[in-house]
Amino acid sequence: MHFPRSRMCRLVGCDDGDVPLTAGYSCSYAESRRVEWQFHSERQWNPAGNTAMGVALMKDLMAHLKAYDWGGDRGLLCPIDEQIKAAQGDAGGLAKIEQALLEVLDADVKVAAVDYICRQLALVGTRRAVPALVRLLQDDGLYDRALYALEAIPEESAGEALRTALPLAGGNLRVGIVNSLGERGDKKAVPALNALRGSSDTTLSSAVESALRKIGP
């Protein structure tokens, strides 16, 4: 299995805003996310540890995320970006960040917060994030965000989830899953993709052929 880019990119300024993902998810993650990310802060602290200060700071940051909506102050979320940067190489720290993000995702939050969380799970998500992301696939307004993250999570459980969802999906969701399987280079998906070749849905048929080319022989 191959991946077209590193999961850890550099963020292009926290103040550039969160641009909503394309609702139809007709393009692939790798094609639409070739963005280098940079972090506007030079601080190299990691509040993901077990100290009282770290726990309190994490709680405060997640409170900002729960309240976040389009047009809100994106700068309030930049410390979360900084945490992810500072925690690289620290599996325990990244796991704490992932868990905190999943807890917010499980709450009643706005689409903007879901969008942000899925972007971050694309960087730090593991098998622990897969069930929550699979649930989002059932929401017509959020499935593209879930695909964004699932495509990038390198663990087999993410690929298995996409393969399982493929025969149950239709329309743009099915096309999006096909695109994600292609970008993942998921050879286990080849039989299911071959079964969709020649579909009367020309968009789906084109996506299948593209995915098979990317997966290769």
N, C-alpha and C. Protein backbone atom coordinates (compact mmCIF):
# COMPACT_ATOMS: atom_id res chain seq x y z
N MET A 1 0.85 -1.19 0.00
CA MET A 1 0.00 0.00 0.00
C MET A 1 0.89 1.24 0.00
N HIS A 2 0.56 2.22 -0.85
CA HIS A 2 1.36 3.44 -0.89
C HIS A 2 0.50 4.64 -0.55
N PHE A 3 1.16 5.70 -0.13
CA PHE A 3 0.46 6.95 0.15
C PHE A 3 1.16 8.05 -0.60
N PRO A 4 0.39 8.98 -1.22
CA PRO A 4 0.98 9.97 -2.11
C PRO A 4 1.67 11.12 -1.41
N ARG A 5 1.54 11.26 -0.11
CA ARG A 5 2.16 12.37 0.57
C ARG A 5 2.35 12.03 2.04
N SER A 6 3.23 12.78 2.68
CA SER A 6 3.44 12.60 4.11
C SER A 6 2.22 13.09 4.86
N ARG A 7 1.88 12.40 5.96
CA ARG A 7 0.74 12.85 6.75
C ARG A 7 1.05 14.15 7.46
N MET A 8 2.33 14.40 7.75
CA MET A 8 2.67 15.64 8.46
C MET A 8 3.17 16.66 7.47
N CYS A 9 2.30 17.60 7.11
CA CYS A 9 2.68 18.68 6.22
C CYS A 9 2.97 19.91 7.07
N ARG A 10 3.15 21.04 6.41
CA ARG A 10 3.29 22.28 7.15
C ARG A 10 2.10 23.16 6.81
N LEU A 11 1.48 23.74 7.81
CA LEU A 11 0.22 24.48 7.66
C LEU A 11 0.43 25.88 7.10
N VAL A 12 -0.37 26.31 6.15
CA VAL A 12 -0.21 27.65 5.58
C VAL A 12 -0.91 28.66 6.44
N GLY A 13 -0.35 29.13 7.46
CA GLY A 13 -0.89 30.15 8.33
C GLY A 13 -2.24 29.83 8.95
N CYS A 14 -2.35 29.96 10.24
CA CYS A 14 -3.61 29.67 10.92
C CYS A 14 -4.71 30.62 10.51
N ASP A 15 -4.35 31.79 10.01
CA ASP A 15 -5.38 32.78 9.72
C ASP A 15 -5.90 32.67 8.30
N ASP A 16 -5.54 31.58 7.59
CA ASP A 16 -6.02 31.47 6.22
C ASP A 16 -7.44 30.93 6.18
N GLY A 17 -8.00 30.56 7.31
CA GLY A 17 -9.38 30.11 7.36
C GLY A 17 -9.52 28.65 7.01
N ASP A 18 -10.63 28.07 7.40
CA ASP A 18 -10.94 26.69 7.04
C ASP A 18 -11.85 26.71 5.84
N VAL A 19 -11.35 26.34 4.69
CA VAL A 19 -12.17 26.31 3.49
C VAL A 19 -12.93 25.01 3.47
N PRO A 20 -14.26 25.05 3.43
CA PRO A 20 -15.03 23.81 3.45
C PRO A 20 -14.63 22.88 2.32
N LEU A 21 -14.63 21.60 2.57
CA LEU A 21 -14.32 20.62 1.55
C LEU A 21 -15.45 20.57 0.53
N THR A 22 -15.13 20.20 -0.69
CA THR A 22 -16.13 20.12 -1.75
C THR A 22 -17.20 19.11 -1.37
N ALA A 23 -18.46 19.53 -1.41
CA ALA A 23 -19.55 18.69 -0.93
C ALA A 23 -19.64 17.37 -1.67
N GLY A 24 -19.39 17.38 -2.99
CA GLY A 24 -19.52 16.17 -3.76
C GLY A 24 -18.35 15.22 -3.62
N TYR A 25 -17.23 15.73 -3.10
CA TYR A 25 -16.01 14.94 -2.97
C TYR A 25 -15.73 14.19 -4.28
N SER A 26 -15.79 14.92 -5.40
CA SER A 26 -15.54 14.29 -6.68
C SER A 26 -14.06 14.23 -7.01
N CYS A 27 -13.24 15.02 -6.30
CA CYS A 27 -11.80 14.95 -6.52
C CYS A 27 -11.17 14.20 -5.35
N SER A 28 -9.96 13.75 -5.56
CA SER A 28 -9.31 12.93 -4.54
C SER A 28 -8.68 13.81 -3.48
N TYR A 29 -8.42 13.20 -2.35
CA TYR A 29 -7.78 13.90 -1.24
C TYR A 29 -6.43 14.44 -1.67
N ALA A 30 -5.63 13.59 -2.29
CA ALA A 30 -4.27 14.00 -2.64
C ALA A 30 -4.27 15.12 -3.68
N GLU A 31 -5.23 15.09 -4.61
CA GLU A 31 -5.28 16.11 -5.65
C GLU A 31 -5.68 17.45 -5.09
N SER A 32 -6.54 17.45 -4.06
CA SER A 32 -7.08 18.70 -3.55
C SER A 32 -6.37 19.22 -2.31
N ARG A 33 -5.45 18.43 -1.75
CA ARG A 33 -4.82 18.83 -0.50
C ARG A 33 -3.31 18.96 -0.62
N ARG A 34 -2.79 19.26 -1.80
CA ARG A 34 -1.35 19.42 -1.92
C ARG A 34 -0.97 20.80 -1.42
N VAL A 35 -1.11 20.97 -0.13
CA VAL A 35 -0.87 22.25 0.53
C VAL A 35 0.23 22.06 1.55
N GLU A 36 1.18 22.96 1.59
CA GLU A 36 2.19 22.91 2.62
C GLU A 36 1.73 23.73 3.80
N TRP A 37 1.80 23.13 4.95
CA TRP A 37 1.31 23.77 6.17
C TRP A 37 2.50 24.36 6.93
N GLN A 38 2.33 25.57 7.42
CA GLN A 38 3.34 26.15 8.28
C GLN A 38 2.66 26.65 9.54
N PHE A 39 3.36 26.70 10.61
CA PHE A 39 2.78 27.11 11.88
C PHE A 39 3.28 28.50 12.21
N HIS A 40 2.33 29.40 12.51
CA HIS A 40 2.70 30.80 12.70
C HIS A 40 3.44 31.05 13.99
N SER A 41 3.44 30.12 14.91
CA SER A 41 4.07 30.32 16.20
C SER A 41 5.38 29.58 16.29
N GLU A 42 6.34 30.14 16.96
CA GLU A 42 7.63 29.50 17.17
C GLU A 42 7.66 28.68 18.44
N ARG A 43 6.58 28.75 19.22
CA ARG A 43 6.57 28.04 20.49
C ARG A 43 6.60 26.54 20.29
N GLN A 44 7.35 25.85 21.10
CA GLN A 44 7.50 24.41 20.98
C GLN A 44 7.08 23.71 22.26
N TRP A 45 5.92 24.09 22.77
CA TRP A 45 5.44 23.43 23.99
C TRP A 45 4.46 22.35 23.61
N ASN A 46 4.31 21.39 24.50
CA ASN A 46 3.38 20.30 24.25
C ASN A 46 2.50 20.10 25.47
N PRO A 47 1.28 20.64 25.44
CA PRO A 47 0.40 20.52 26.60
C PRO A 47 -0.32 19.18 26.65
N ALA A 48 0.10 18.22 25.85
CA ALA A 48 -0.61 16.94 25.82
C ALA A 48 -0.16 16.01 26.93
N GLY A 49 0.77 16.47 27.75
CA GLY A 49 1.27 15.62 28.80
C GLY A 49 0.30 15.48 29.96
N ASN A 50 0.77 14.89 31.04
CA ASN A 50 -0.12 14.60 32.16
C ASN A 50 -0.10 15.67 33.25
N THR A 51 0.66 16.76 33.05
CA THR A 51 0.71 17.79 34.07
C THR A 51 -0.64 18.46 34.20
N ALA A 52 -0.89 19.02 35.38
CA ALA A 52 -2.16 19.71 35.61
C ALA A 52 -2.33 20.85 34.62
N MET A 53 -1.23 21.57 34.33
CA MET A 53 -1.31 22.67 33.38
C MET A 53 -1.67 22.16 31.99
N GLY A 54 -1.05 21.03 31.60
CA GLY A 54 -1.33 20.47 30.28
C GLY A 54 -2.77 20.03 30.15
N VAL A 55 -3.29 19.38 31.17
CA VAL A 55 -4.67 18.91 31.14
C VAL A 55 -5.64 20.08 31.08
N ALA A 56 -5.37 21.11 31.88
CA ALA A 56 -6.25 22.28 31.90
C ALA A 56 -6.23 23.00 30.55
N LEU A 57 -5.04 23.11 29.96
CA LEU A 57 -4.92 23.79 28.68
C LEU A 57 -5.64 23.00 27.58
N MET A 58 -5.48 21.68 27.60
CA MET A 58 -6.17 20.86 26.62
C MET A 58 -7.68 21.04 26.73
N LYS A 59 -8.19 21.06 27.96
CA LYS A 59 -9.63 21.23 28.19
C LYS A 59 -10.09 22.57 27.64
N ASP A 60 -9.29 23.61 27.87
CA ASP A 60 -9.64 24.94 27.40
C ASP A 60 -9.66 24.99 25.87
N LEU A 61 -8.66 24.37 25.24
CA LEU A 61 -8.59 24.37 23.79
C LEU A 61 -9.78 23.62 23.17
N MET A 62 -10.14 22.51 23.78
CA MET A 62 -11.26 21.75 23.25
C MET A 62 -12.59 22.50 23.45
N ALA A 63 -12.68 23.31 24.49
CA ALA A 63 -13.87 24.14 24.69
C ALA A 63 -14.00 25.15 23.54
N HIS A 64 -12.87 25.73 23.12
CA HIS A 64 -12.89 26.65 21.98
C HIS A 64 -13.34 25.90 20.72
N LEU A 65 -12.86 24.68 20.56
CA LEU A 65 -13.20 23.91 19.38
C LEU A 65 -14.69 23.56 19.36
N LYS A 66 -15.24 23.20 20.50
CA LYS A 66 -16.67 22.87 20.57
C LYS A 66 -17.54 24.05 20.15
N ALA A 67 -17.08 25.26 20.43
CA ALA A 67 -17.86 26.46 20.13
C ALA A 67 -17.57 27.02 18.74
N TYR A 68 -16.63 26.44 18.04
CA TYR A 68 -16.16 27.02 16.77
C TYR A 68 -17.20 26.87 15.66
N ASP A 69 -17.31 27.93 14.84
CA ASP A 69 -18.20 27.91 13.68
C ASP A 69 -17.55 28.74 12.58
N TRP A 70 -18.05 28.57 11.35
CA TRP A 70 -17.53 29.39 10.26
C TRP A 70 -17.64 30.87 10.63
N GLY A 71 -16.60 31.61 10.33
CA GLY A 71 -16.58 33.03 10.65
C GLY A 71 -16.07 33.32 12.03
N GLY A 72 -15.83 32.27 12.83
CA GLY A 72 -15.28 32.47 14.17
C GLY A 72 -13.79 32.75 14.12
N ASP A 73 -13.22 32.95 15.28
CA ASP A 73 -11.80 33.27 15.39
C ASP A 73 -10.97 31.99 15.23
N ARG A 74 -10.46 31.78 14.02
CA ARG A 74 -9.66 30.58 13.74
C ARG A 74 -8.37 30.56 14.58
N GLY A 75 -7.93 31.73 14.99
CA GLY A 75 -6.71 31.80 15.78
C GLY A 75 -6.81 31.07 17.11
N LEU A 76 -8.02 30.93 17.63
CA LEU A 76 -8.20 30.23 18.90
C LEU A 76 -7.87 28.74 18.78
N LEU A 77 -7.85 28.24 17.54
CA LEU A 77 -7.56 26.83 17.32
C LEU A 77 -6.09 26.58 16.98
N CYS A 78 -5.35 27.66 16.73
CA CYS A 78 -3.95 27.49 16.35
C CYS A 78 -3.11 26.74 17.39
N PRO A 79 -3.36 26.92 18.69
CA PRO A 79 -2.59 26.14 19.66
C PRO A 79 -2.76 24.62 19.50
N ILE A 80 -3.91 24.18 18.97
CA ILE A 80 -4.08 22.75 18.71
C ILE A 80 -3.13 22.34 17.59
N ASP A 81 -3.04 23.17 16.54
CA ASP A 81 -2.08 22.90 15.47
C ASP A 81 -0.67 22.80 16.04
N GLU A 82 -0.36 23.71 16.96
CA GLU A 82 0.98 23.74 17.56
C GLU A 82 1.24 22.48 18.38
N GLN A 83 0.21 22.02 19.08
CA GLN A 83 0.35 20.78 19.85
C GLN A 83 0.72 19.62 18.94
N ILE A 84 0.04 19.53 17.82
CA ILE A 84 0.29 18.43 16.89
C ILE A 84 1.72 18.50 16.37
N LYS A 85 2.17 19.69 16.06
CA LYS A 85 3.54 19.85 15.60
C LYS A 85 4.52 19.45 16.69
N ALA A 86 4.30 19.94 17.90
CA ALA A 86 5.23 19.68 18.99
C ALA A 86 5.23 18.21 19.42
N ALA A 87 4.13 17.51 19.19
CA ALA A 87 4.00 16.12 19.65
C ALA A 87 4.51 15.11 18.63
N GLN A 88 5.01 15.56 17.49
CA GLN A 88 5.51 14.62 16.50
C GLN A 88 6.62 13.76 17.12
N GLY A 89 6.51 12.45 16.96
CA GLY A 89 7.48 11.54 17.55
C GLY A 89 7.10 11.09 18.94
N ASP A 90 6.06 11.68 19.50
CA ASP A 90 5.60 11.33 20.84
C ASP A 90 4.25 10.62 20.70
N ALA A 91 4.28 9.30 20.64
CA ALA A 91 3.05 8.54 20.40
C ALA A 91 2.01 8.80 21.49
N GLY A 92 2.46 8.90 22.72
CA GLY A 92 1.53 9.15 23.82
C GLY A 92 0.87 10.51 23.70
N GLY A 93 1.65 11.52 23.36
CA GLY A 93 1.10 12.87 23.21
C GLY A 93 0.10 12.94 22.07
N LEU A 94 0.44 12.31 20.93
CA LEU A 94 -0.47 12.30 19.80
C LEU A 94 -1.76 11.55 20.12
N ALA A 95 -1.64 10.47 20.89
CA ALA A 95 -2.83 9.71 21.27
C ALA A 95 -3.76 10.55 22.13
N LYS A 96 -3.21 11.36 23.01
CA LYS A 96 -4.04 12.23 23.85
C LYS A 96 -4.75 13.28 23.01
N ILE A 97 -4.04 13.83 22.04
CA ILE A 97 -4.67 14.81 21.16
C ILE A 97 -5.78 14.15 20.35
N GLU A 98 -5.50 12.98 19.81
CA GLU A 98 -6.51 12.26 19.04
C GLU A 98 -7.75 11.99 19.88
N GLN A 99 -7.56 11.54 21.11
CA GLN A 99 -8.69 11.24 21.98
C GLN A 99 -9.50 12.49 22.28
N ALA A 100 -8.81 13.60 22.52
CA ALA A 100 -9.52 14.85 22.79
C ALA A 100 -10.34 15.29 21.58
N LEU A 101 -9.78 15.15 20.39
CA LEU A 101 -10.51 15.51 19.18
C LEU A 101 -11.73 14.61 18.99
N LEU A 102 -11.58 13.32 19.27
CA LEU A 102 -12.69 12.39 19.12
C LEU A 102 -13.82 12.69 20.11
N GLU A 103 -13.46 13.12 21.29
CA GLU A 103 -14.49 13.47 22.28
C GLU A 103 -15.30 14.66 21.82
N VAL A 104 -14.63 15.63 21.19
CA VAL A 104 -15.37 16.78 20.67
C VAL A 104 -16.22 16.36 19.48
N LEU A 105 -15.68 15.49 18.63
CA LEU A 105 -16.43 15.03 17.46
C LEU A 105 -17.70 14.32 17.88
N ASP A 106 -17.67 13.68 19.03
CA ASP A 106 -18.82 12.94 19.53
C ASP A 106 -19.88 13.86 20.16
N ALA A 107 -19.53 15.13 20.33
CA ALA A 107 -20.46 16.10 20.90
C ALA A 107 -21.29 16.73 19.78
N ASP A 108 -22.22 17.57 20.16
CA ASP A 108 -23.09 18.25 19.20
C ASP A 108 -22.40 19.54 18.76
N VAL A 109 -21.55 19.43 17.73
CA VAL A 109 -20.77 20.57 17.29
C VAL A 109 -21.14 20.95 15.86
N LYS A 110 -20.74 22.16 15.47
CA LYS A 110 -21.05 22.68 14.15
C LYS A 110 -20.20 21.98 13.08
N VAL A 111 -20.65 22.12 11.83
CA VAL A 111 -19.92 21.53 10.71
C VAL A 111 -18.49 22.05 10.66
N ALA A 112 -18.30 23.31 10.99
CA ALA A 112 -16.96 23.88 10.96
C ALA A 112 -16.01 23.15 11.91
N ALA A 113 -16.51 22.78 13.07
CA ALA A 113 -15.68 22.04 14.03
C ALA A 113 -15.41 20.63 13.52
N VAL A 114 -16.42 20.00 12.93
CA VAL A 114 -16.21 18.66 12.36
C VAL A 114 -15.17 18.72 11.25
N ASP A 115 -15.26 19.73 10.41
CA ASP A 115 -14.31 19.92 9.33
C ASP A 115 -12.89 20.03 9.89
N TYR A 116 -12.72 20.85 10.90
CA TYR A 116 -11.40 21.04 11.51
C TYR A 116 -10.89 19.73 12.12
N ILE A 117 -11.75 19.03 12.85
CA ILE A 117 -11.34 17.79 13.50
C ILE A 117 -10.90 16.76 12.47
N CYS A 118 -11.64 16.63 11.39
CA CYS A 118 -11.27 15.66 10.37
C CYS A 118 -9.95 16.01 9.71
N ARG A 119 -9.70 17.29 9.54
CA ARG A 119 -8.40 17.71 9.00
C ARG A 119 -7.27 17.28 9.93
N GLN A 120 -7.48 17.42 11.22
CA GLN A 120 -6.43 17.05 12.17
C GLN A 120 -6.31 15.53 12.30
N LEU A 121 -7.44 14.82 12.21
CA LEU A 121 -7.37 13.36 12.26
C LEU A 121 -6.66 12.80 11.03
N ALA A 122 -6.68 13.53 9.93
CA ALA A 122 -5.92 13.11 8.76
C ALA A 122 -4.43 13.12 9.07
N LEU A 123 -4.03 13.91 10.05
CA LEU A 123 -2.62 13.99 10.45
C LEU A 123 -2.28 13.03 11.59
N VAL A 124 -3.18 12.90 12.56
CA VAL A 124 -2.84 12.15 13.78
C VAL A 124 -3.74 10.95 14.02
N GLY A 125 -4.74 10.75 13.16
CA GLY A 125 -5.69 9.68 13.40
C GLY A 125 -5.10 8.29 13.29
N THR A 126 -5.63 7.37 14.08
CA THR A 126 -5.24 5.97 14.06
C THR A 126 -6.50 5.12 13.99
N ARG A 127 -6.35 3.83 14.23
CA ARG A 127 -7.52 2.94 14.21
C ARG A 127 -8.57 3.38 15.22
N ARG A 128 -8.16 4.10 16.26
CA ARG A 128 -9.12 4.56 17.26
C ARG A 128 -10.13 5.54 16.68
N ALA A 129 -9.74 6.25 15.62
CA ALA A 129 -10.62 7.26 15.02
C ALA A 129 -11.57 6.67 13.99
N VAL A 130 -11.29 5.46 13.52
CA VAL A 130 -12.04 4.91 12.40
C VAL A 130 -13.54 4.76 12.68
N PRO A 131 -13.97 4.20 13.81
CA PRO A 131 -15.42 4.07 14.03
C PRO A 131 -16.18 5.39 13.97
N ALA A 132 -15.63 6.43 14.56
CA ALA A 132 -16.30 7.73 14.54
C ALA A 132 -16.38 8.28 13.13
N LEU A 133 -15.33 8.07 12.35
CA LEU A 133 -15.33 8.56 10.98
C LEU A 133 -16.30 7.77 10.11
N VAL A 134 -16.39 6.48 10.34
CA VAL A 134 -17.36 5.67 9.60
C VAL A 134 -18.78 6.15 9.85
N ARG A 135 -19.08 6.54 11.07
CA ARG A 135 -20.42 7.05 11.37
C ARG A 135 -20.72 8.31 10.56
N LEU A 136 -19.70 9.12 10.33
CA LEU A 136 -19.90 10.35 9.55
C LEU A 136 -20.22 10.06 8.10
N LEU A 137 -19.81 8.90 7.60
CA LEU A 137 -20.10 8.56 6.21
C LEU A 137 -21.60 8.49 5.94
N GLN A 138 -22.39 8.32 6.98
CA GLN A 138 -23.83 8.21 6.83
C GLN A 138 -24.52 9.58 6.74
N ASP A 139 -23.74 10.64 6.91
CA ASP A 139 -24.30 11.99 6.88
C ASP A 139 -23.94 12.66 5.55
N ASP A 140 -24.96 13.00 4.76
CA ASP A 140 -24.73 13.59 3.44
C ASP A 140 -23.93 14.89 3.50
N GLY A 141 -24.02 15.58 4.62
CA GLY A 141 -23.31 16.85 4.74
C GLY A 141 -21.92 16.73 5.32
N LEU A 142 -21.55 15.52 5.76
CA LEU A 142 -20.27 15.37 6.45
C LEU A 142 -19.39 14.26 5.88
N TYR A 143 -19.92 13.44 5.00
CA TYR A 143 -19.15 12.26 4.59
C TYR A 143 -17.84 12.62 3.90
N ASP A 144 -17.81 13.77 3.21
CA ASP A 144 -16.57 14.15 2.54
C ASP A 144 -15.46 14.44 3.55
N ARG A 145 -15.84 14.97 4.71
CA ARG A 145 -14.86 15.21 5.76
C ARG A 145 -14.31 13.88 6.28
N ALA A 146 -15.20 12.90 6.44
CA ALA A 146 -14.76 11.59 6.93
C ALA A 146 -13.82 10.93 5.94
N LEU A 147 -14.13 11.04 4.65
CA LEU A 147 -13.25 10.47 3.63
C LEU A 147 -11.88 11.13 3.65
N TYR A 148 -11.88 12.42 3.87
CA TYR A 148 -10.64 13.19 3.96
C TYR A 148 -9.69 12.55 4.99
N ALA A 149 -10.25 12.20 6.14
CA ALA A 149 -9.42 11.61 7.20
C ALA A 149 -9.14 10.14 6.97
N LEU A 150 -10.15 9.38 6.60
CA LEU A 150 -9.96 7.94 6.42
C LEU A 150 -8.92 7.64 5.34
N GLU A 151 -8.92 8.42 4.29
CA GLU A 151 -7.95 8.19 3.22
C GLU A 151 -6.52 8.33 3.71
N ALA A 152 -6.31 9.21 4.67
CA ALA A 152 -4.95 9.51 5.12
C ALA A 152 -4.46 8.62 6.26
N ILE A 153 -5.38 7.99 6.99
CA ILE A 153 -4.97 7.14 8.11
C ILE A 153 -4.33 5.88 7.55
N PRO A 154 -3.08 5.61 7.84
CA PRO A 154 -2.36 4.52 7.16
C PRO A 154 -2.68 3.13 7.67
N GLU A 155 -3.41 3.02 8.74
CA GLU A 155 -3.66 1.69 9.31
C GLU A 155 -4.68 0.91 8.48
N GLU A 156 -4.55 -0.40 8.50
CA GLU A 156 -5.40 -1.27 7.71
C GLU A 156 -6.88 -1.11 8.05
N SER A 157 -7.18 -0.78 9.29
CA SER A 157 -8.58 -0.65 9.68
C SER A 157 -9.30 0.43 8.88
N ALA A 158 -8.58 1.47 8.47
CA ALA A 158 -9.19 2.52 7.66
C ALA A 158 -9.53 1.99 6.26
N GLY A 159 -8.61 1.24 5.68
CA GLY A 159 -8.88 0.65 4.38
C GLY A 159 -10.02 -0.34 4.44
N GLU A 160 -10.05 -1.15 5.49
CA GLU A 160 -11.13 -2.11 5.66
C GLU A 160 -12.48 -1.42 5.77
N ALA A 161 -12.50 -0.31 6.49
CA ALA A 161 -13.75 0.45 6.64
C ALA A 161 -14.24 0.97 5.30
N LEU A 162 -13.33 1.46 4.48
CA LEU A 162 -13.70 1.98 3.16
C LEU A 162 -14.20 0.84 2.26
N ARG A 163 -13.51 -0.29 2.30
CA ARG A 163 -13.94 -1.42 1.47
C ARG A 163 -15.31 -1.93 1.89
N THR A 164 -15.57 -1.93 3.19
CA THR A 164 -16.87 -2.39 3.70
C THR A 164 -17.98 -1.43 3.30
N ALA A 165 -17.67 -0.14 3.30
CA ALA A 165 -18.69 0.88 2.99
C ALA A 165 -19.01 0.94 1.51
N LEU A 166 -18.08 0.52 0.65
CA LEU A 166 -18.25 0.70 -0.80
C LEU A 166 -19.54 0.09 -1.35
N PRO A 167 -19.83 -1.18 -1.10
CA PRO A 167 -21.04 -1.75 -1.70
C PRO A 167 -22.34 -1.21 -1.10
N LEU A 168 -22.24 -0.56 0.03
CA LEU A 168 -23.44 -0.03 0.69
C LEU A 168 -23.72 1.41 0.29
N ALA A 169 -22.77 2.02 -0.39
CA ALA A 169 -22.87 3.45 -0.72
C ALA A 169 -23.42 3.64 -2.12
N GLY A 170 -23.87 4.86 -2.38
CA GLY A 170 -24.33 5.22 -3.71
C GLY A 170 -23.98 6.65 -4.02
N GLY A 171 -24.19 7.05 -5.24
CA GLY A 171 -23.98 8.44 -5.63
C GLY A 171 -22.58 8.96 -5.37
N ASN A 172 -22.51 10.21 -4.91
CA ASN A 172 -21.22 10.85 -4.69
C ASN A 172 -20.39 10.16 -3.61
N LEU A 173 -21.06 9.59 -2.62
CA LEU A 173 -20.32 8.88 -1.57
C LEU A 173 -19.56 7.70 -2.16
N ARG A 174 -20.22 6.94 -3.03
CA ARG A 174 -19.52 5.80 -3.64
C ARG A 174 -18.33 6.28 -4.46
N VAL A 175 -18.51 7.34 -5.22
CA VAL A 175 -17.41 7.89 -6.01
C VAL A 175 -16.26 8.32 -5.09
N GLY A 176 -16.60 8.97 -3.98
CA GLY A 176 -15.58 9.40 -3.04
C GLY A 176 -14.82 8.23 -2.44
N ILE A 177 -15.52 7.16 -2.10
CA ILE A 177 -14.86 5.98 -1.54
C ILE A 177 -13.93 5.37 -2.58
N VAL A 178 -14.37 5.28 -3.82
CA VAL A 178 -13.53 4.76 -4.89
C VAL A 178 -12.26 5.59 -5.02
N ASN A 179 -12.41 6.92 -5.02
CA ASN A 179 -11.24 7.80 -5.11
C ASN A 179 -10.28 7.55 -3.95
N SER A 180 -10.82 7.41 -2.74
CA SER A 180 -9.97 7.21 -1.57
C SER A 180 -9.24 5.88 -1.63
N LEU A 181 -9.92 4.84 -2.07
CA LEU A 181 -9.27 3.53 -2.20
C LEU A 181 -8.14 3.59 -3.23
N GLY A 182 -8.36 4.35 -4.30
CA GLY A 182 -7.30 4.51 -5.29
C GLY A 182 -6.11 5.24 -4.74
N GLU A 183 -6.36 6.31 -4.00
CA GLU A 183 -5.25 7.08 -3.42
C GLU A 183 -4.49 6.27 -2.38
N ARG A 184 -5.18 5.38 -1.69
CA ARG A 184 -4.51 4.53 -0.71
C ARG A 184 -3.71 3.41 -1.38
N GLY A 185 -3.93 3.19 -2.67
CA GLY A 185 -3.27 2.09 -3.34
C GLY A 185 -3.71 0.75 -2.77
N ASP A 186 -4.98 0.63 -2.47
CA ASP A 186 -5.51 -0.51 -1.75
C ASP A 186 -5.77 -1.70 -2.68
N LYS A 187 -4.82 -2.60 -2.73
CA LYS A 187 -4.94 -3.76 -3.62
C LYS A 187 -6.08 -4.68 -3.22
N LYS A 188 -6.42 -4.70 -1.94
CA LYS A 188 -7.53 -5.55 -1.50
C LYS A 188 -8.86 -5.07 -2.07
N ALA A 189 -8.90 -3.83 -2.54
CA ALA A 189 -10.14 -3.29 -3.08
C ALA A 189 -10.33 -3.61 -4.56
N VAL A 190 -9.32 -4.18 -5.20
CA VAL A 190 -9.37 -4.40 -6.65
C VAL A 190 -10.57 -5.25 -7.08
N PRO A 191 -10.88 -6.38 -6.43
CA PRO A 191 -12.06 -7.14 -6.87
C PRO A 191 -13.35 -6.33 -6.84
N ALA A 192 -13.56 -5.57 -5.79
CA ALA A 192 -14.78 -4.76 -5.69
C ALA A 192 -14.78 -3.66 -6.74
N LEU A 193 -13.63 -3.09 -7.02
CA LEU A 193 -13.55 -2.04 -8.04
C LEU A 193 -13.78 -2.62 -9.43
N ASN A 194 -13.22 -3.79 -9.68
CA ASN A 194 -13.43 -4.44 -10.98
C ASN A 194 -14.92 -4.70 -11.22
N ALA A 195 -15.63 -5.01 -10.15
CA ALA A 195 -17.07 -5.29 -10.28
C ALA A 195 -17.85 -4.05 -10.70
N LEU A 196 -17.27 -2.87 -10.47
CA LEU A 196 -17.95 -1.62 -10.82
C LEU A 196 -17.55 -1.09 -12.19
N ARG A 197 -16.63 -1.75 -12.84
CA ARG A 197 -16.20 -1.31 -14.17
C ARG A 197 -17.37 -1.39 -15.15
N GLY A 198 -17.44 -0.41 -16.01
CA GLY A 198 -18.50 -0.40 -17.00
C GLY A 198 -19.84 0.04 -16.45
N SER A 199 -19.84 0.65 -15.29
CA SER A 199 -21.09 1.14 -14.71
C SER A 199 -21.75 2.16 -15.63
N SER A 200 -23.07 2.16 -15.64
CA SER A 200 -23.80 3.15 -16.44
C SER A 200 -23.62 4.56 -15.90
N ASP A 201 -23.17 4.66 -14.65
CA ASP A 201 -22.84 5.96 -14.04
C ASP A 201 -21.45 6.33 -14.53
N THR A 202 -21.38 7.25 -15.47
CA THR A 202 -20.10 7.57 -16.09
C THR A 202 -19.11 8.18 -15.10
N THR A 203 -19.62 8.94 -14.12
CA THR A 203 -18.72 9.51 -13.11
C THR A 203 -18.09 8.40 -12.28
N LEU A 204 -18.90 7.43 -11.88
CA LEU A 204 -18.40 6.30 -11.11
C LEU A 204 -17.43 5.47 -11.95
N SER A 205 -17.80 5.19 -13.18
CA SER A 205 -16.95 4.39 -14.05
C SER A 205 -15.58 5.03 -14.25
N SER A 206 -15.58 6.34 -14.45
CA SER A 206 -14.32 7.07 -14.62
C SER A 206 -13.48 7.02 -13.36
N ALA A 207 -14.14 7.16 -12.19
CA ALA A 207 -13.43 7.10 -10.92
C ALA A 207 -12.82 5.72 -10.70
N VAL A 208 -13.55 4.68 -11.07
CA VAL A 208 -13.05 3.32 -10.91
C VAL A 208 -11.80 3.10 -11.76
N GLU A 209 -11.84 3.52 -13.00
CA GLU A 209 -10.69 3.34 -13.88
C GLU A 209 -9.48 4.10 -13.35
N SER A 210 -9.71 5.30 -12.85
CA SER A 210 -8.62 6.10 -12.29
C SER A 210 -8.04 5.42 -11.05
N ALA A 211 -8.91 4.90 -10.19
CA ALA A 211 -8.45 4.23 -8.97
C ALA A 211 -7.63 2.99 -9.30
N LEU A 212 -8.08 2.21 -10.27
CA LEU A 212 -7.35 1.00 -10.64
C LEU A 212 -5.98 1.33 -11.22
N ARG A 213 -5.89 2.41 -11.98
CA ARG A 213 -4.59 2.83 -12.52
C ARG A 213 -3.64 3.21 -11.39
N LYS A 214 -4.17 3.89 -10.39
CA LYS A 214 -3.33 4.30 -9.26
C LYS A 214 -2.88 3.11 -8.42
N ILE A 215 -3.77 2.14 -8.26
CA ILE A 215 -3.40 0.96 -7.48
C ILE A 215 -2.36 0.13 -8.22
N GLY A 216 -2.50 0.06 -9.53
CA GLY A 216 -1.52 -0.66 -10.33
C GLY A 216 -1.73 -2.17 -10.31
N PRO A 217 -0.84 -2.87 -11.00
CA PRO A 217 -0.97 -4.33 -11.12
C PRO A 217 -0.71 -5.03 -9.79
